[in-house]
C-alpha atoms as a PDB file:
ATOM      1  CA  ASN A   1      -0.189   0.217  -0.091  1.00  0.00           C
ATOM      2  CA  GLY A   2       0.850   3.627  -0.833  1.00  0.00           C
ATOM      3  CA  ALA A   3      -0.122   5.229   2.397  1.00  0.00           C
ATOM      4  CA  TYR A   4       3.622   6.056   4.511  1.00  0.00           C
ATOM      5  CA  ASN A   5       4.075   7.365   8.022  1.00  0.00           C
ATOM      6  CA  ALA A   6       7.507   7.677   8.990  1.00  0.00           C
ATOM      7  CA  SER A   7       6.598   7.738  12.625  1.00  0.00           C
ATOM      8  CA  ALA A   8       4.902   4.067  12.267  1.00  0.00           C
ATOM      9  CA  ASP A   9       7.302   1.915  13.067  1.00  0.00           C
ATOM     10  CA  GLY A  10      10.335   3.901  12.832  1.00  0.00           C
ATOM     11  CA  GLY A  11      11.087   3.185   9.257  1.00  0.00           C
ATOM     12  CA  THR A  12       9.332   3.495   6.101  1.00  0.00           C
ATOM     13  CA  GLY A  13       5.974   3.378   5.490  1.00  0.00           C
ATOM     14  CA  SER A  14       2.549   2.449   7.775  1.00  0.00           C
ATOM     15  CA  MET A  15       2.885  -1.321   7.519  1.00  0.00           C
ATOM     16  CA  TRP A  16       3.960  -2.882  11.128  1.00  0.00           C
ATOM     17  CA  SER A  17       5.315  -6.037  12.255  1.00  0.00           C
ATOM     18  CA  VAL A  18       3.056  -8.089  14.556  1.00  0.00           C
ATOM     19  CA  ASP A  19       6.074  -7.762  16.757  1.00  0.00           C
ATOM     20  CA  ALA A  20       5.822  -3.872  16.466  1.00  0.00           C
ATOM     21  CA  VAL A  21       2.544  -3.913  17.050  1.00  0.00           C
ATOM     22  CA  LYS A  22       3.131  -6.086  20.353  1.00  0.00           C
ATOM     23  CA  ARG A  23       5.222  -4.014  21.283  1.00  0.00           C
ATOM     24  CA  TYR A  24       3.318  -0.734  20.785  1.00  0.00           C
ATOM     25  CA  PHE A  25       0.571  -1.748  22.518  1.00  0.00           C
ATOM     26  CA  SER A  26       2.696  -2.869  25.287  1.00  0.00           C
ATOM     27  CA  GLN A  27       4.203  -0.068  25.581  1.00  0.00           C
ATOM     28  CA  VAL A  28       1.048   2.939  25.353  1.00  0.00           C
ATOM     29  CA  GLU A  29      -1.068   3.527  27.938  1.00  0.00           C
ATOM     30  CA  GLN A  30      -4.877   2.588  26.548  1.00  0.00           C
ATOM     31  CA  PRO A  31      -7.468   4.633  27.417  1.00  0.00           C
ATOM     32  CA  ALA A  32     -10.284   2.529  26.099  1.00  0.00           C
ATOM     33  CA  MET A  33      -8.754  -0.106  28.960  1.00  0.00           C
ATOM     34  CA  PRO A  34      -6.985   1.866  31.320  1.00  0.00           C
ATOM     35  CA  GLY A  35      -5.168   0.058  34.034  1.00  0.00           C
ATOM     36  CA  ALA A  36      -4.838  -2.956  31.661  1.00  0.00           C
ATOM     37  CA  GLU A  37      -1.988  -4.984  31.536  1.00  0.00           C
ATOM     38  CA  PRO A  38       0.326  -5.362  28.401  1.00  0.00           C
ATOM     39  CA  GLY A  39      -1.151  -8.517  27.341  1.00  0.00           C
ATOM     40  CA  GLU A  40      -4.485  -7.998  27.334  1.00  0.00           C
ATOM     41  CA  VAL A  41      -4.709  -5.496  25.378  1.00  0.00           C
ATOM     42  CA  TRP A  42      -2.761  -7.329  22.272  1.00  0.00           C
ATOM     43  CA  ASP A  43      -5.336 -10.229  23.782  1.00  0.00           C
ATOM     44  CA  LYS A  44      -8.037  -8.211  23.008  1.00  0.00           C
ATOM     45  CA  ILE A  45      -6.722  -7.102  19.345  1.00  0.00           C
ATOM     46  CA  GLU A  46      -5.310 -10.659  18.667  1.00  0.00           C
ATOM     47  CA  ARG A  47      -8.456 -11.897  19.126  1.00  0.00           C
ATOM     48  CA  GLN A  48     -10.036  -9.976  16.553  1.00  0.00           C
ATOM     49  CA  LEU A  49      -8.075  -9.914  14.055  1.00  0.00           C
ATOM     50  CA  LYS A  50      -8.287 -13.929  13.966  1.00  0.00           C
ATOM     51  CA  GLN A  51     -12.093 -13.238  13.854  1.00  0.00           C
ATOM     52  CA  LEU A  52     -11.598 -11.276  10.906  1.00  0.00           C
ATOM     53  CA  SER A  53      -9.033 -13.164   9.178  1.00  0.00           C
ATOM     54  CA  VAL A  54     -11.368 -16.413   9.590  1.00  0.00           C
ATOM     55  CA  LEU A  55     -14.294 -14.573   8.187  1.00  0.00           C
ATOM     56  CA  ALA A  56     -12.636 -13.249   5.229  1.00  0.00           C
ATOM     57  CA  MET A  57     -11.237 -16.850   4.397  1.00  0.00           C
ATOM     58  CA  HIS A  58     -14.872 -17.837   3.980  1.00  0.00           C
ATOM     59  CA  SER A  59     -16.179 -15.175   1.741  1.00  0.00           C
ATOM     60  CA  ALA A  60     -13.566 -16.224  -0.450  1.00  0.00           C
ATOM     61  CA  GLN A  61     -13.388 -20.027  -0.312  1.00  0.00           C
ATOM     62  CA  GLU A  62     -15.282 -20.387  -3.560  1.00  0.00           C
ATOM     63  CA  SER A  63     -12.474 -17.817  -5.251  1.00  0.00           C
ATOM     64  CA  VAL A  64      -9.754 -19.702  -4.632  1.00  0.00           C
ATOM     65  CA  GLN A  65      -8.846 -23.316  -6.141  1.00  0.00           C
ATOM     66  CA  ASN A  66      -8.206 -26.106  -4.095  1.00  0.00           C
ATOM     67  CA  ARG A  67      -4.876 -27.925  -5.551  1.00  0.00           C
ATOM     68  CA  PRO A  68      -2.837 -30.556  -4.200  1.00  0.00           C
ATOM     69  CA  GLY A  69       0.282 -29.413  -2.667  1.00  0.00           C
ATOM     70  CA  CYS A  70      -0.318 -26.017  -3.258  1.00  0.00           C
ATOM     71  CA  PHE A  71      -1.189 -23.042  -0.936  1.00  0.00           C
ATOM     72  CA  GLU A  72      -3.177 -19.575  -1.095  1.00  0.00           C
ATOM     73  CA  TRP A  73      -1.259 -16.284   0.083  1.00  0.00           C
ATOM     74  CA  PHE A  74      -4.569 -14.161   1.531  1.00  0.00           C
ATOM     75  CA  GLY A  75      -2.987 -10.242   2.388  1.00  0.00           C
ATOM     76  CA  MET A  76      -4.569  -8.714   4.766  1.00  0.00           C
ATOM     77  CA  ASP A  77      -4.702  -4.840   6.055  1.00  0.00           C
ATOM     78  CA  PHE A  78      -6.033  -3.667   9.712  1.00  0.00           C
ATOM     79  CA  MET A  79      -6.421  -0.937  11.313  1.00  0.00           C
ATOM     80  CA  VAL A  80      -7.324  -0.709  15.195  1.00  0.00           C
ATOM     81  CA  ASP A  81      -9.318   2.505  16.495  1.00  0.00           C
ATOM     82  CA  THR A  82      -8.840   4.321  19.428  1.00  0.00           C
ATOM     83  CA  ASP A  83     -11.216   1.650  21.489  1.00  0.00           C
ATOM     84  CA  LEU A  84      -8.963  -1.186  20.662  1.00  0.00           C
ATOM     85  CA  GLN A  85     -11.883  -2.116  18.212  1.00  0.00           C
ATOM     86  CA  CYS A  86     -10.277  -3.716  14.454  1.00  0.00           C
ATOM     87  CA  TRP A  87     -11.002  -3.023  11.288  1.00  0.00           C
ATOM     88  CA  MET A  88     -10.439  -5.274   8.518  1.00  0.00           C
ATOM     89  CA  LEU A  89     -10.040  -2.794   5.210  1.00  0.00           C
ATOM     90  CA  GLU A  90      -8.872  -5.225   2.767  1.00  0.00           C
ATOM     91  CA  CYS A  91      -8.625  -8.643   2.091  1.00  0.00           C
ATOM     92  CA  ASN A  92      -6.085  -9.450  -0.913  1.00  0.00           C
ATOM     93  CA  VAL A  93      -6.414 -12.976  -2.521  1.00  0.00           C
ATOM     94  CA  SER A  94      -2.767 -13.697  -4.161  1.00  0.00           C
ATOM     95  CA  PRO A  95      -1.500 -10.522  -2.500  1.00  0.00           C
ATOM     96  CA  ASP A  96       1.867  -8.313  -4.029  1.00  0.00           C
ATOM     97  CA  LEU A  97       5.362 -10.085  -2.901  1.00  0.00           C
ATOM     98  CA  SER A  98       7.407  -6.944  -3.518  1.00  0.00           C
ATOM     99  CA  THR A  99       8.839  -5.511  -0.950  1.00  0.00           C
ATOM    100  CA  GLY A 100       9.587  -2.135   0.157  1.00  0.00           C
ATOM    101  CA  THR A 101       9.049  -1.476   3.436  1.00  0.00           C
ATOM    102  CA  ARG A 102      11.047  -3.331   6.572  1.00  0.00           C
ATOM    103  CA  VAL A 103       8.450  -5.277   7.113  1.00  0.00           C
ATOM    104  CA  LEU A 104       7.934  -7.004   3.455  1.00  0.00           C
ATOM    105  CA  ASP A 105      11.904  -6.787   3.100  1.00  0.00           C
ATOM    106  CA  ARG A 106      12.175  -9.915   5.818  1.00  0.00           C
ATOM    107  CA  LEU A 107       8.601 -11.478   5.577  1.00  0.00           C
ATOM    108  CA  VAL A 108       9.015 -12.149   1.428  1.00  0.00           C
ATOM    109  CA  PRO A 109      11.945 -13.834   1.425  1.00  0.00           C
ATOM    110  CA  ASN A 110      11.617 -16.000   4.914  1.00  0.00           C
ATOM    111  CA  ALA A 111       8.038 -17.205   3.317  1.00  0.00           C
ATOM    112  CA  MET A 112       9.599 -18.193   0.306  1.00  0.00           C
ATOM    113  CA  GLU A 113      12.101 -20.882   2.043  1.00  0.00           C
END
């Protein structure tokens, strides 16, 4: 995605790794969950991300051909609002695997091994 935010993960772009998101939510007080332990905030977010991901995959299952010995990539973009509500912005079947952000520069080659 072309939207860039220099402060997102200390790098270039608005794409954060899972580790960067976990770090952020463990270090920054969340008004939506005052006094919450860092793990509680991430658990709430992770639960929602998993639910949204499963719903997206179910909705796309008719578009994906099942071929023995093959797999399908899904590219999902999420946003977390100030109430810690997660929103899926988009889900791409067979997303572009080009690099260009710190996250993709690390993720794509590792996934291809």
